[in-house]
Amino acid sequence: LKESELDFRCDCGANSSSQQSAFVTLP
């Protein structure tokens, strides 16, 4: 669930992004 770095080209031209997952509901 922790934030991770990824290479992703944004519309602003930057190549550095982060990704994070979270539970919305619990099964």
PDB file of all heavy atoms in Angstrom:
ATOM      1  N   LEU A   1       0.796  -1.228   0.000  1.00  0.00           N
ATOM      2  CA  LEU A   1       0.000   0.000   0.000  1.00  0.00           C
ATOM      3  C   LEU A   1       0.830   1.281   0.000  1.00  0.00           C
ATOM      4  O   LEU A   1       0.281   2.362  -0.202  1.00  0.00           O
ATOM      5  CB  LEU A   1      -0.940   0.010   1.220  1.00  0.00           C
ATOM      6  CG  LEU A   1      -1.985  -1.109   1.256  1.00  0.00           C
ATOM      7  CD1 LEU A   1      -2.765  -1.054   2.564  1.00  0.00           C
ATOM      8  CD2 LEU A   1      -2.915  -1.038   0.065  1.00  0.00           C
ATOM      9  N   LYS A   2       2.137   1.184   0.201  1.00  0.00           N
ATOM     10  CA  LYS A   2       2.930   2.415   0.266  1.00  0.00           C
ATOM     11  C   LYS A   2       3.157   3.004  -1.130  1.00  0.00           C
ATOM     12  O   LYS A   2       3.080   2.307  -2.141  1.00  0.00           O
ATOM     13  CB  LYS A   2       4.249   2.181   0.988  1.00  0.00           C
ATOM     14  CG  LYS A   2       5.298   1.473   0.196  1.00  0.00           C
ATOM     15  CD  LYS A   2       6.578   1.342   1.001  1.00  0.00           C
ATOM     16  CE  LYS A   2       7.639   0.667   0.145  1.00  0.00           C
ATOM     17  NZ  LYS A   2       8.831   0.383   0.881  1.00  0.00           N
ATOM     18  N   GLU A   3       3.431   4.288  -1.132  1.00  0.00           N
ATOM     19  CA  GLU A   3       3.660   5.001  -2.380  1.00  0.00           C
ATOM     20  C   GLU A   3       4.924   4.488  -3.063  1.00  0.00           C
ATOM     21  O   GLU A   3       5.928   4.233  -2.402  1.00  0.00           O
ATOM     22  CB  GLU A   3       3.804   6.499  -2.074  1.00  0.00           C
ATOM     23  CG  GLU A   3       3.968   7.356  -3.305  1.00  0.00           C
ATOM     24  CD  GLU A   3       4.034   8.834  -2.950  1.00  0.00           C
ATOM     25  OE1 GLU A   3       5.147   9.313  -2.677  1.00  0.00           O
ATOM     26  OE2 GLU A   3       2.975   9.470  -2.925  1.00  0.00           O
ATOM     27  N   SER A   4       4.862   4.331  -4.383  1.00  0.00           N
ATOM     28  CA  SER A   4       6.034   3.904  -5.156  1.00  0.00           C
ATOM     29  C   SER A   4       6.265   4.877  -6.306  1.00  0.00           C
ATOM     30  O   SER A   4       5.342   5.517  -6.794  1.00  0.00           O
ATOM     31  CB  SER A   4       5.848   2.471  -5.668  1.00  0.00           C
ATOM     32  OG  SER A   4       4.727   2.401  -6.520  1.00  0.00           O
ATOM     33  N   GLU A   5       7.502   4.963  -6.716  1.00  0.00           N
ATOM     34  CA  GLU A   5       7.897   5.848  -7.827  1.00  0.00           C
ATOM     35  C   GLU A   5       7.726   5.115  -9.150  1.00  0.00           C
ATOM     36  O   GLU A   5       7.939   3.917  -9.236  1.00  0.00           O
ATOM     37  CB  GLU A   5       9.366   6.252  -7.676  1.00  0.00           C
ATOM     38  CG  GLU A   5       9.699   6.965  -6.380  1.00  0.00           C
ATOM     39  CD  GLU A   5       9.107   8.359  -6.304  1.00  0.00           C
ATOM     40  OE1 GLU A   5       9.107   9.065  -7.328  1.00  0.00           O
ATOM     41  OE2 GLU A   5       8.628   8.712  -5.211  1.00  0.00           O
ATOM     42  N   LEU A   6       7.324   5.852 -10.194  1.00  0.00           N
ATOM     43  CA  LEU A   6       7.292   5.264 -11.522  1.00  0.00           C
ATOM     44  C   LEU A   6       7.633   6.279 -12.585  1.00  0.00           C
ATOM     45  O   LEU A   6       7.502   7.475 -12.386  1.00  0.00           O
ATOM     46  CB  LEU A   6       5.955   4.609 -11.867  1.00  0.00           C
ATOM     47  CG  LEU A   6       4.654   5.054 -11.346  1.00  0.00           C
ATOM     48  CD1 LEU A   6       3.687   5.475 -12.419  1.00  0.00           C
ATOM     49  CD2 LEU A   6       4.088   3.741 -10.800  1.00  0.00           C
ATOM     50  N   ASP A   7       8.104   5.734 -13.689  1.00  0.00           N
ATOM     51  CA  ASP A   7       8.383   6.572 -14.850  1.00  0.00           C
ATOM     52  C   ASP A   7       7.102   6.653 -15.663  1.00  0.00           C
ATOM     53  O   ASP A   7       6.647   5.663 -16.232  1.00  0.00           O
ATOM     54  CB  ASP A   7       9.502   5.971 -15.707  1.00  0.00           C
ATOM     55  CG  ASP A   7      10.843   6.017 -15.022  1.00  0.00           C
ATOM     56  OD1 ASP A   7      11.065   6.960 -14.244  1.00  0.00           O
ATOM     57  OD2 ASP A   7      11.661   5.110 -15.252  1.00  0.00           O
ATOM     58  N   PHE A   8       6.519   7.846 -15.688  1.00  0.00           N
ATOM     59  CA  PHE A   8       5.267   8.063 -16.403  1.00  0.00           C
ATOM     60  C   PHE A   8       5.292   9.480 -16.938  1.00  0.00           C
ATOM     61  O   PHE A   8       5.511  10.430 -16.189  1.00  0.00           O
ATOM     62  CB  PHE A   8       4.078   7.857 -15.449  1.00  0.00           C
ATOM     63  CG  PHE A   8       2.750   8.116 -16.095  1.00  0.00           C
ATOM     64  CD1 PHE A   8       2.189   7.186 -16.948  1.00  0.00           C
ATOM     65  CD2 PHE A   8       2.060   9.299 -15.843  1.00  0.00           C
ATOM     66  CE1 PHE A   8       0.960   7.428 -17.554  1.00  0.00           C
ATOM     67  CE2 PHE A   8       0.833   9.539 -16.439  1.00  0.00           C
ATOM     68  CZ  PHE A   8       0.283   8.598 -17.300  1.00  0.00           C
ATOM     69  N   ARG A   9       5.096   9.636 -18.205  1.00  0.00           N
ATOM     70  CA  ARG A   9       5.156  10.958 -18.826  1.00  0.00           C
ATOM     71  C   ARG A   9       3.822  11.665 -18.649  1.00  0.00           C
ATOM     72  O   ARG A   9       2.788  11.251 -19.167  1.00  0.00           O
ATOM     73  CB  ARG A   9       5.505  10.852 -20.297  1.00  0.00           C
ATOM     74  CG  ARG A   9       5.687  12.216 -20.946  1.00  0.00           C
ATOM     75  CD  ARG A   9       6.576  12.091 -22.165  1.00  0.00           C
ATOM     76  NE  ARG A   9       6.851  13.381 -22.747  1.00  0.00           N
ATOM     77  CZ  ARG A   9       7.855  14.161 -22.387  1.00  0.00           C
ATOM     78  NH1 ARG A   9       8.671  13.773 -21.449  1.00  0.00           N
ATOM     79  NH2 ARG A   9       8.046  15.322 -22.975  1.00  0.00           N
ATOM     80  N   CYS A  10       3.869  12.759 -17.905  1.00  0.00           N
ATOM     81  CA  CYS A  10       2.685  13.579 -17.652  1.00  0.00           C
ATOM     82  C   CYS A  10       2.507  14.576 -18.802  1.00  0.00           C
ATOM     83  O   CYS A  10       3.452  14.884 -19.533  1.00  0.00           O
ATOM     84  CB  CYS A  10       2.871  14.323 -16.323  1.00  0.00           C
ATOM     85  SG  CYS A  10       1.492  15.413 -15.895  1.00  0.00           S
ATOM     86  N   ASP A  11       1.298  15.111 -18.942  1.00  0.00           N
ATOM     87  CA  ASP A  11       1.030  16.129 -19.959  1.00  0.00           C
ATOM     88  C   ASP A  11       1.897  17.368 -19.772  1.00  0.00           C
ATOM     89  O   ASP A  11       2.147  18.108 -20.722  1.00  0.00           O
ATOM     90  CB  ASP A  11      -0.453  16.524 -19.941  1.00  0.00           C
ATOM     91  CG  ASP A  11      -1.349  15.403 -20.433  1.00  0.00           C
ATOM     92  OD1 ASP A  11      -0.845  14.499 -21.146  1.00  0.00           O
ATOM     93  OD2 ASP A  11      -2.551  15.414 -20.104  1.00  0.00           O
ATOM     94  N   CYS A  12       2.384  17.604 -18.529  1.00  0.00           N
ATOM     95  CA  CYS A  12       3.224  18.777 -18.279  1.00  0.00           C
ATOM     96  C   CYS A  12       4.651  18.559 -18.774  1.00  0.00           C
ATOM     97  O   CYS A  12       5.463  19.482 -18.753  1.00  0.00           O
ATOM     98  CB  CYS A  12       3.232  19.137 -16.792  1.00  0.00           C
ATOM     99  SG  CYS A  12       4.230  18.048 -15.754  1.00  0.00           S
ATOM    100  N   GLY A  13       4.979  17.325 -19.208  1.00  0.00           N
ATOM    101  CA  GLY A  13       6.311  17.024 -19.735  1.00  0.00           C
ATOM    102  C   GLY A  13       7.208  16.310 -18.743  1.00  0.00           C
ATOM    103  O   GLY A  13       8.266  15.799 -19.116  1.00  0.00           O
ATOM    104  N   ALA A  14       6.834  16.269 -17.483  1.00  0.00           N
ATOM    105  CA  ALA A  14       7.652  15.595 -16.465  1.00  0.00           C
ATOM    106  C   ALA A  14       7.552  14.077 -16.632  1.00  0.00           C
ATOM    107  O   ALA A  14       6.560  13.553 -17.139  1.00  0.00           O
ATOM    108  CB  ALA A  14       7.199  16.005 -15.080  1.00  0.00           C
ATOM    109  N   ASN A  15       8.593  13.377 -16.197  1.00  0.00           N
ATOM    110  CA  ASN A  15       8.642  11.918 -16.309  1.00  0.00           C
ATOM    111  C   ASN A  15       8.548  11.197 -14.971  1.00  0.00           C
ATOM    112  O   ASN A  15       8.609   9.981 -14.923  1.00  0.00           O
ATOM    113  CB  ASN A  15       9.932  11.477 -17.003  1.00  0.00           C
ATOM    114  CG  ASN A  15       9.935  11.853 -18.464  1.00  0.00           C
ATOM    115  OD1 ASN A  15       8.906  11.799 -19.120  1.00  0.00           O
ATOM    116  ND2 ASN A  15      11.090  12.238 -18.970  1.00  0.00           N
ATOM    117  N   SER A  16       8.452  11.912 -13.879  1.00  0.00           N
ATOM    118  CA  SER A  16       8.459  11.297 -12.553  1.00  0.00           C
ATOM    119  C   SER A  16       7.083  11.392 -11.909  1.00  0.00           C
ATOM    120  O   SER A  16       6.529  12.478 -11.748  1.00  0.00           O
ATOM    121  CB  SER A  16       9.505  11.983 -11.672  1.00  0.00           C
ATOM    122  OG  SER A  16       9.533  11.393 -10.403  1.00  0.00           O
ATOM    123  N   SER A  17       6.541  10.251 -11.552  1.00  0.00           N
ATOM    124  CA  SER A  17       5.234  10.186 -10.917  1.00  0.00           C
ATOM    125  C   SER A  17       5.286   9.210  -9.757  1.00  0.00           C
ATOM    126  O   SER A  17       6.247   8.465  -9.588  1.00  0.00           O
ATOM    127  CB  SER A  17       4.168   9.720 -11.907  1.00  0.00           C
ATOM    128  OG  SER A  17       4.050  10.626 -12.980  1.00  0.00           O
ATOM    129  N   SER A  18       4.228   9.187  -8.990  1.00  0.00           N
ATOM    130  CA  SER A  18       4.100   8.198  -7.923  1.00  0.00           C
ATOM    131  C   SER A  18       2.779   7.461  -8.091  1.00  0.00           C
ATOM    132  O   SER A  18       1.856   7.948  -8.748  1.00  0.00           O
ATOM    133  CB  SER A  18       4.176   8.865  -6.551  1.00  0.00           C
ATOM    134  OG  SER A  18       3.055   9.702  -6.357  1.00  0.00           O
ATOM    135  N   GLN A  19       2.727   6.300  -7.493  1.00  0.00           N
ATOM    136  CA  GLN A  19       1.520   5.487  -7.530  1.00  0.00           C
ATOM    137  C   GLN A  19       1.271   4.982  -6.122  1.00  0.00           C
ATOM    138  O   GLN A  19       2.204   4.591  -5.423  1.00  0.00           O
ATOM    139  CB  GLN A  19       1.722   4.312  -8.477  1.00  0.00           C
ATOM    140  CG  GLN A  19       0.601   3.297  -8.448  1.00  0.00           C
ATOM    141  CD  GLN A  19       0.879   2.140  -9.388  1.00  0.00           C
ATOM    142  OE1 GLN A  19       1.229   2.341 -10.539  1.00  0.00           O
ATOM    143  NE2 GLN A  19       0.737   0.925  -8.889  1.00  0.00           N
ATOM    144  N   GLN A  20       0.007   4.988  -5.707  1.00  0.00           N
ATOM    145  CA  GLN A  20      -0.329   4.464  -4.392  1.00  0.00           C
ATOM    146  C   GLN A  20      -1.693   3.802  -4.449  1.00  0.00           C
ATOM    147  O   GLN A  20      -2.629   4.318  -5.040  1.00  0.00           O
ATOM    148  CB  GLN A  20      -0.326   5.565  -3.336  1.00  0.00           C
ATOM    149  CG  GLN A  20      -0.535   5.030  -1.941  1.00  0.00           C
ATOM    150  CD  GLN A  20      -0.175   6.041  -0.879  1.00  0.00           C
ATOM    151  OE1 GLN A  20      -0.089   7.245  -1.133  1.00  0.00           O
ATOM    152  NE2 GLN A  20       0.057   5.553   0.327  1.00  0.00           N
ATOM    153  N   SER A  21      -1.781   2.637  -3.804  1.00  0.00           N
ATOM    154  CA  SER A  21      -3.041   1.903  -3.737  1.00  0.00           C
ATOM    155  C   SER A  21      -3.597   2.001  -2.321  1.00  0.00           C
ATOM    156  O   SER A  21      -2.850   2.118  -1.355  1.00  0.00           O
ATOM    157  CB  SER A  21      -2.825   0.429  -4.102  1.00  0.00           C
ATOM    158  OG  SER A  21      -2.428   0.311  -5.444  1.00  0.00           O
ATOM    159  N   ALA A  22      -4.925   1.927  -2.231  1.00  0.00           N
ATOM    160  CA  ALA A  22      -5.601   1.976  -0.932  1.00  0.00           C
ATOM    161  C   ALA A  22      -6.899   1.181  -1.022  1.00  0.00           C
ATOM    162  O   ALA A  22      -7.524   1.114  -2.079  1.00  0.00           O
ATOM    163  CB  ALA A  22      -5.894   3.421  -0.537  1.00  0.00           C
ATOM    164  N   PHE A  23      -7.288   0.603   0.109  1.00  0.00           N
ATOM    165  CA  PHE A  23      -8.583  -0.069   0.177  1.00  0.00           C
ATOM    166  C   PHE A  23      -9.668   0.993   0.278  1.00  0.00           C
ATOM    167  O   PHE A  23      -9.597   1.875   1.126  1.00  0.00           O
ATOM    168  CB  PHE A  23      -8.683  -0.959   1.422  1.00  0.00           C
ATOM    169  CG  PHE A  23      -7.885  -2.221   1.335  1.00  0.00           C
ATOM    170  CD1 PHE A  23      -6.618  -2.302   1.882  1.00  0.00           C
ATOM    171  CD2 PHE A  23      -8.415  -3.346   0.718  1.00  0.00           C
ATOM    172  CE1 PHE A  23      -5.886  -3.472   1.822  1.00  0.00           C
ATOM    173  CE2 PHE A  23      -7.697  -4.521   0.647  1.00  0.00           C
ATOM    174  CZ  PHE A  23      -6.421  -4.585   1.206  1.00  0.00           C
ATOM    175  N   VAL A  24     -10.656   0.927  -0.576  1.00  0.00           N
ATOM    176  CA  VAL A  24     -11.821   1.793  -0.473  1.00  0.00           C
ATOM    177  C   VAL A  24     -12.805   1.136   0.493  1.00  0.00           C
ATOM    178  O   VAL A  24     -13.330   1.764   1.404  1.00  0.00           O
ATOM    179  CB  VAL A  24     -12.472   2.046  -1.848  1.00  0.00           C
ATOM    180  CG1 VAL A  24     -13.734   2.875  -1.703  1.00  0.00           C
ATOM    181  CG2 VAL A  24     -11.478   2.736  -2.775  1.00  0.00           C
ATOM    182  N   THR A  25     -13.057  -0.137   0.259  1.00  0.00           N
ATOM    183  CA  THR A  25     -13.895  -0.941   1.153  1.00  0.00           C
ATOM    184  C   THR A  25     -13.125  -2.202   1.499  1.00  0.00           C
ATOM    185  O   THR A  25     -12.181  -2.581   0.797  1.00  0.00           O
ATOM    186  CB  THR A  25     -15.238  -1.322   0.499  1.00  0.00           C
ATOM    187  OG1 THR A  25     -14.965  -2.080  -0.683  1.00  0.00           O
ATOM    188  CG2 THR A  25     -16.060  -0.093   0.154  1.00  0.00           C
ATOM    189  N   LEU A  26     -13.542  -2.852   2.570  1.00  0.00           N
ATOM    190  CA  LEU A  26     -12.874  -4.084   2.989  1.00  0.00           C
ATOM    191  C   LEU A  26     -13.750  -5.291   2.671  1.00  0.00           C
ATOM    192  O   LEU A  26     -14.955  -5.278   2.939  1.00  0.00           O
ATOM    193  CB  LEU A  26     -12.584  -4.040   4.489  1.00  0.00           C
ATOM    194  CG  LEU A  26     -11.567  -2.977   4.909  1.00  0.00           C
ATOM    195  CD1 LEU A  26     -11.450  -2.929   6.423  1.00  0.00           C
ATOM    196  CD2 LEU A  26     -10.206  -3.250   4.274  1.00  0.00           C
ATOM    197  N   PRO A  27     -13.160  -6.337   2.102  1.00  0.00           N
ATOM    198  CA  PRO A  27     -13.944  -7.522   1.750  1.00  0.00           C
ATOM    199  C   PRO A  27     -14.247  -8.384   2.976  1.00  0.00           C
ATOM    200  O   PRO A  27     -13.574  -8.288   4.002  1.00  0.00           O
ATOM    201  CB  PRO A  27     -13.010  -8.267   0.787  1.00  0.00           C
ATOM    202  CG  PRO A  27     -11.643  -7.887   1.243  1.00  0.00           C
ATOM    203  CD  PRO A  27     -11.760  -6.448   1.705  1.00  0.00           C
TER     204      PRO A  27
END
